[in-house]
Amino acid sequence: MDIAFLKESQQIAHALVAKAVVKMLKDIEMQYAFGVSIGAMV
């Protein structure tokens, strides 16, 4: 495997995880999520 393939695979995996997190937050009717290091969510 070459490094470019691994980097691309990792980017795809990160995008899928982010999409899943957004869906879960929508499912529990999360209204706000702030990009702070302690992960504040309302």
Protein backbone atom coordinates (compact mmCIF):
# COMPACT_ATOMS: atom_id res chain seq x y z
CA MET A 1 0.00 0.00 0.00
CA ASP A 2 1.25 3.44 -0.70
CA ILE A 3 1.01 6.39 1.65
CA ALA A 4 -1.32 8.41 -0.60
CA PHE A 5 -3.86 5.57 -0.53
CA LEU A 6 -3.67 5.34 3.26
CA LYS A 7 -4.10 9.10 3.68
CA GLU A 8 -7.11 9.10 1.35
CA SER A 9 -8.65 6.15 3.21
CA GLN A 10 -8.14 7.92 6.52
CA GLN A 11 -9.77 11.11 5.21
CA ILE A 12 -12.77 9.11 4.01
CA ALA A 13 -13.04 7.37 7.38
CA HIS A 14 -12.91 10.72 9.22
CA ALA A 15 -15.67 12.10 6.98
CA LEU A 16 -17.86 9.06 7.64
CA VAL A 17 -17.37 9.34 11.39
CA ALA A 18 -18.15 13.06 11.31
CA LYS A 19 -21.30 12.40 9.28
CA ALA A 20 -22.39 9.72 11.78
CA VAL A 21 -21.82 12.07 14.73
CA VAL A 22 -23.89 14.80 13.07
CA LYS A 23 -26.71 12.30 12.45
CA MET A 24 -26.65 11.14 16.07
CA LEU A 25 -26.78 14.72 17.32
CA LYS A 26 -29.72 15.46 15.03
CA ASP A 27 -31.48 12.29 16.20
CA ILE A 28 -31.34 13.46 19.82
CA GLU A 29 -32.44 16.92 18.71
CA MET A 30 -29.17 18.64 19.63
CA GLN A 31 -29.61 22.33 18.96
CA TYR A 32 -26.06 23.67 19.26
CA ALA A 33 -22.56 22.23 19.26
CA PHE A 34 -19.62 24.55 19.82
CA GLY A 35 -16.14 23.75 18.58
CA VAL A 36 -14.34 24.16 21.87
CA SER A 37 -11.69 21.86 23.30
CA ILE A 38 -13.90 20.71 26.19
CA GLY A 39 -16.70 19.74 23.80
CA ALA A 40 -19.51 21.98 25.03
CA MET A 41 -22.91 20.96 23.69
CA VAL A 42 -26.40 22.26 24.45
